[in-house]
Amino acid sequence: MNLLDHDDLRWKHYSDEAQFEHPISYWGAVLDAREDGHVDLLYRWDPHSACHLHRHTAAISSLVLEGELTVIDICLLYTSDAADE
């Protein structure tokens, strides 16, 4: 299957005109969404672009066809244990 040229994929463009360190501009398509909540996604990133800062609420698998996806795991300053002290 040619994932770059597949008529059944519905690509959605995500972009933002706000001033960030990198422009927000990428394309995404859902490959599969299972009953257990796991979602398989396909991405094409425009050159030198980034993704919106967001949190996943389900298990995600990402396949990047073009460009680069950089994942940053942000630790919260306060955990439930720290709040109890």
N, C-alpha and C. Protein backbone atom coordinates (compact mmCIF):
# COMPACT_ATOMS: atom_id res chain seq x y z
N MET A 1 0.85 -1.19 0.00
CA MET A 1 0.00 0.00 0.00
C MET A 1 0.89 1.25 0.00
N ASN A 2 0.60 2.18 -0.88
CA ASN A 2 1.32 3.45 -0.93
C ASN A 2 0.58 4.43 -0.02
N LEU A 3 1.14 4.68 1.17
CA LEU A 3 0.46 5.55 2.14
C LEU A 3 0.51 7.02 1.75
N LEU A 4 1.44 7.42 0.89
CA LEU A 4 1.49 8.81 0.44
C LEU A 4 0.42 9.12 -0.60
N ASP A 5 0.00 8.10 -1.33
CA ASP A 5 -0.97 8.30 -2.39
C ASP A 5 -2.07 7.24 -2.26
N HIS A 6 -2.87 7.38 -1.21
CA HIS A 6 -3.91 6.40 -0.93
C HIS A 6 -5.24 7.15 -0.83
N ASP A 7 -6.17 6.83 -1.71
CA ASP A 7 -7.43 7.58 -1.82
C ASP A 7 -8.32 7.48 -0.58
N ASP A 8 -8.18 6.42 0.21
CA ASP A 8 -9.06 6.24 1.36
C ASP A 8 -8.62 7.03 2.60
N LEU A 9 -7.40 7.55 2.61
CA LEU A 9 -6.93 8.33 3.76
C LEU A 9 -7.51 9.74 3.71
N ARG A 10 -7.97 10.21 4.86
CA ARG A 10 -8.49 11.58 4.97
C ARG A 10 -7.46 12.41 5.72
N TRP A 11 -6.65 13.16 4.97
CA TRP A 11 -5.62 14.00 5.58
C TRP A 11 -6.24 15.29 6.10
N LYS A 12 -5.85 15.69 7.31
CA LYS A 12 -6.29 16.96 7.88
C LYS A 12 -5.05 17.81 8.14
N HIS A 13 -5.10 19.07 7.71
CA HIS A 13 -3.97 19.97 7.91
C HIS A 13 -4.14 20.72 9.24
N TYR A 14 -3.10 20.70 10.04
CA TYR A 14 -3.07 21.42 11.32
C TYR A 14 -2.06 22.55 11.17
N SER A 15 -2.48 23.77 11.50
CA SER A 15 -1.56 24.90 11.43
C SER A 15 -1.99 25.96 12.43
N ASP A 16 -1.08 26.87 12.70
CA ASP A 16 -1.36 27.95 13.64
C ASP A 16 -0.54 29.16 13.21
N GLU A 17 -1.18 30.30 13.13
CA GLU A 17 -0.50 31.52 12.71
C GLU A 17 0.22 32.23 13.86
N ALA A 18 -0.01 31.77 15.10
CA ALA A 18 0.63 32.41 16.26
C ALA A 18 2.15 32.28 16.16
N GLN A 19 2.84 33.17 16.84
CA GLN A 19 4.30 33.19 16.82
C GLN A 19 4.87 32.19 17.83
N PHE A 20 5.41 31.09 17.33
CA PHE A 20 6.08 30.10 18.15
C PHE A 20 7.53 30.00 17.68
N GLU A 21 8.34 29.25 18.41
CA GLU A 21 9.74 29.06 18.01
C GLU A 21 9.82 28.42 16.62
N HIS A 22 8.90 27.49 16.33
CA HIS A 22 8.82 26.85 15.01
C HIS A 22 7.39 27.00 14.52
N PRO A 23 7.20 27.10 13.20
CA PRO A 23 5.82 27.17 12.70
C PRO A 23 5.07 25.86 12.96
N ILE A 24 3.76 25.97 13.16
CA ILE A 24 2.90 24.82 13.34
C ILE A 24 2.29 24.50 11.97
N SER A 25 2.69 23.38 11.39
CA SER A 25 2.15 23.00 10.09
C SER A 25 2.47 21.54 9.81
N TYR A 26 1.42 20.70 9.89
CA TYR A 26 1.59 19.27 9.63
C TYR A 26 0.25 18.69 9.20
N TRP A 27 0.30 17.49 8.63
CA TRP A 27 -0.87 16.80 8.13
C TRP A 27 -1.01 15.48 8.87
N GLY A 28 -2.23 15.10 9.24
CA GLY A 28 -2.46 13.86 9.95
C GLY A 28 -3.64 13.08 9.38
N ALA A 29 -3.54 11.76 9.48
CA ALA A 29 -4.64 10.88 9.05
C ALA A 29 -4.75 9.73 10.05
N VAL A 30 -5.96 9.34 10.39
CA VAL A 30 -6.19 8.22 11.29
C VAL A 30 -6.12 6.93 10.48
N LEU A 31 -5.24 6.01 10.90
CA LEU A 31 -5.16 4.70 10.26
C LEU A 31 -6.11 3.72 10.92
N ASP A 32 -6.22 3.80 12.26
CA ASP A 32 -7.06 2.85 12.99
C ASP A 32 -7.39 3.41 14.36
N ALA A 33 -8.59 3.16 14.83
CA ALA A 33 -9.01 3.49 16.20
C ALA A 33 -9.68 2.24 16.75
N ARG A 34 -9.07 1.66 17.77
CA ARG A 34 -9.59 0.40 18.30
C ARG A 34 -10.53 0.63 19.48
N GLU A 35 -11.27 -0.39 19.82
CA GLU A 35 -12.23 -0.30 20.92
C GLU A 35 -11.57 -0.05 22.27
N ASP A 36 -10.30 -0.50 22.42
CA ASP A 36 -9.60 -0.28 23.69
C ASP A 36 -9.05 1.14 23.82
N GLY A 37 -9.31 1.99 22.81
CA GLY A 37 -8.89 3.39 22.87
C GLY A 37 -7.59 3.68 22.15
N HIS A 38 -6.86 2.66 21.72
CA HIS A 38 -5.59 2.87 21.02
C HIS A 38 -5.87 3.45 19.63
N VAL A 39 -5.08 4.48 19.25
CA VAL A 39 -5.25 5.13 17.95
C VAL A 39 -3.92 5.07 17.19
N ASP A 40 -3.98 4.67 15.92
CA ASP A 40 -2.81 4.67 15.03
C ASP A 40 -2.95 5.86 14.08
N LEU A 41 -1.91 6.71 14.07
CA LEU A 41 -1.95 7.93 13.27
C LEU A 41 -0.81 7.96 12.28
N LEU A 42 -1.03 8.63 11.16
CA LEU A 42 -0.05 8.80 10.10
C LEU A 42 0.18 10.30 9.94
N TYR A 43 1.45 10.72 9.83
CA TYR A 43 1.78 12.15 9.77
C TYR A 43 2.69 12.48 8.60
N ARG A 44 2.52 13.71 8.11
CA ARG A 44 3.45 14.34 7.18
C ARG A 44 3.74 15.73 7.76
N TRP A 45 5.00 16.01 8.06
CA TRP A 45 5.40 17.28 8.66
C TRP A 45 5.97 18.20 7.59
N ASP A 46 5.54 19.45 7.57
CA ASP A 46 6.14 20.43 6.69
C ASP A 46 7.54 20.76 7.22
N PRO A 47 8.47 21.19 6.35
CA PRO A 47 9.84 21.46 6.78
C PRO A 47 9.92 22.44 7.95
N HIS A 48 10.75 22.11 8.92
CA HIS A 48 11.05 22.96 10.09
C HIS A 48 9.81 23.29 10.92
N SER A 49 8.81 22.43 10.88
CA SER A 49 7.56 22.68 11.60
C SER A 49 7.47 21.86 12.87
N ALA A 50 6.60 22.29 13.76
CA ALA A 50 6.39 21.63 15.04
C ALA A 50 4.90 21.33 15.21
N CYS A 51 4.60 20.69 16.32
CA CYS A 51 3.23 20.32 16.66
C CYS A 51 2.74 21.20 17.81
N HIS A 52 1.44 21.38 17.91
CA HIS A 52 0.87 22.07 19.07
C HIS A 52 1.23 21.31 20.35
N LEU A 53 1.47 22.01 21.42
CA LEU A 53 1.67 21.37 22.71
C LEU A 53 0.33 20.79 23.15
N HIS A 54 0.31 19.50 23.46
CA HIS A 54 -0.94 18.83 23.81
C HIS A 54 -0.65 17.60 24.66
N ARG A 55 -1.69 17.02 25.19
CA ARG A 55 -1.58 15.80 26.01
C ARG A 55 -2.46 14.72 25.39
N HIS A 56 -1.92 13.52 25.32
CA HIS A 56 -2.71 12.39 24.82
C HIS A 56 -3.49 11.78 25.97
N THR A 57 -4.73 11.43 25.71
CA THR A 57 -5.57 10.81 26.73
C THR A 57 -5.79 9.33 26.44
N ALA A 58 -5.13 8.83 25.40
CA ALA A 58 -5.22 7.41 25.03
C ALA A 58 -3.86 6.97 24.49
N ALA A 59 -3.69 5.68 24.32
CA ALA A 59 -2.45 5.15 23.73
C ALA A 59 -2.42 5.52 22.25
N ILE A 60 -1.27 6.02 21.79
CA ILE A 60 -1.13 6.50 20.42
C ILE A 60 0.10 5.86 19.78
N SER A 61 -0.05 5.44 18.54
CA SER A 61 1.10 5.04 17.71
C SER A 61 1.16 6.00 16.55
N SER A 62 2.33 6.60 16.33
CA SER A 62 2.50 7.58 15.26
C SER A 62 3.50 7.08 14.24
N LEU A 63 3.12 7.12 12.97
CA LEU A 63 4.00 6.77 11.87
C LEU A 63 4.21 8.03 11.06
N VAL A 64 5.48 8.43 10.92
CA VAL A 64 5.82 9.66 10.21
C VAL A 64 6.32 9.30 8.81
N LEU A 65 5.62 9.80 7.79
CA LEU A 65 6.01 9.54 6.40
C LEU A 65 6.96 10.59 5.86
N GLU A 66 6.79 11.82 6.30
CA GLU A 66 7.63 12.92 5.84
C GLU A 66 7.93 13.82 7.02
N GLY A 67 9.15 14.36 7.06
CA GLY A 67 9.54 15.29 8.11
C GLY A 67 9.99 14.57 9.36
N GLU A 68 9.92 15.26 10.49
CA GLU A 68 10.43 14.73 11.75
C GLU A 68 9.48 15.05 12.89
N LEU A 69 9.18 14.06 13.70
CA LEU A 69 8.36 14.23 14.89
C LEU A 69 9.26 14.13 16.11
N THR A 70 9.33 15.19 16.88
CA THR A 70 10.10 15.21 18.11
C THR A 70 9.13 15.17 19.28
N VAL A 71 9.32 14.20 20.18
CA VAL A 71 8.44 14.05 21.32
C VAL A 71 9.15 14.54 22.57
N ILE A 72 8.49 15.40 23.31
CA ILE A 72 9.03 15.92 24.57
C ILE A 72 8.08 15.50 25.67
N ASP A 73 8.61 14.81 26.68
CA ASP A 73 7.81 14.39 27.82
C ASP A 73 7.98 15.42 28.92
N ILE A 74 6.92 16.11 29.25
CA ILE A 74 6.97 17.16 30.26
C ILE A 74 6.49 16.61 31.59
N CYS A 75 7.35 16.64 32.59
CA CYS A 75 6.98 16.19 33.94
C CYS A 75 6.28 17.34 34.66
N LEU A 76 5.23 17.01 35.36
CA LEU A 76 4.52 18.03 36.13
C LEU A 76 5.32 18.41 37.36
N LEU A 77 5.26 19.67 37.74
CA LEU A 77 5.98 20.13 38.92
C LEU A 77 5.43 19.54 40.19
N TYR A 78 4.13 19.34 40.23
CA TYR A 78 3.49 18.83 41.44
C TYR A 78 2.80 17.50 41.14
N THR A 79 3.11 16.50 41.91
CA THR A 79 2.42 15.22 41.78
C THR A 79 1.48 15.10 42.97
N SER A 80 0.66 14.07 42.99
CA SER A 80 -0.27 13.89 44.11
C SER A 80 0.51 13.65 45.40
N ASP A 81 1.70 13.00 45.32
CA ASP A 81 2.52 12.78 46.52
C ASP A 81 3.06 14.10 47.05
N ALA A 82 3.50 14.98 46.15
CA ALA A 82 4.07 16.28 46.58
C ALA A 82 2.99 17.16 47.18
N ALA A 83 1.77 17.06 46.69
CA ALA A 83 0.69 17.89 47.21
C ALA A 83 0.32 17.51 48.62
N ASP A 84 0.58 16.24 49.02
CA ASP A 84 0.25 15.79 50.36
C ASP A 84 1.25 16.24 51.41
N GLU A 85 2.42 16.72 50.99
CA GLU A 85 3.46 17.11 51.96
C GLU A 85 3.21 18.45 52.56
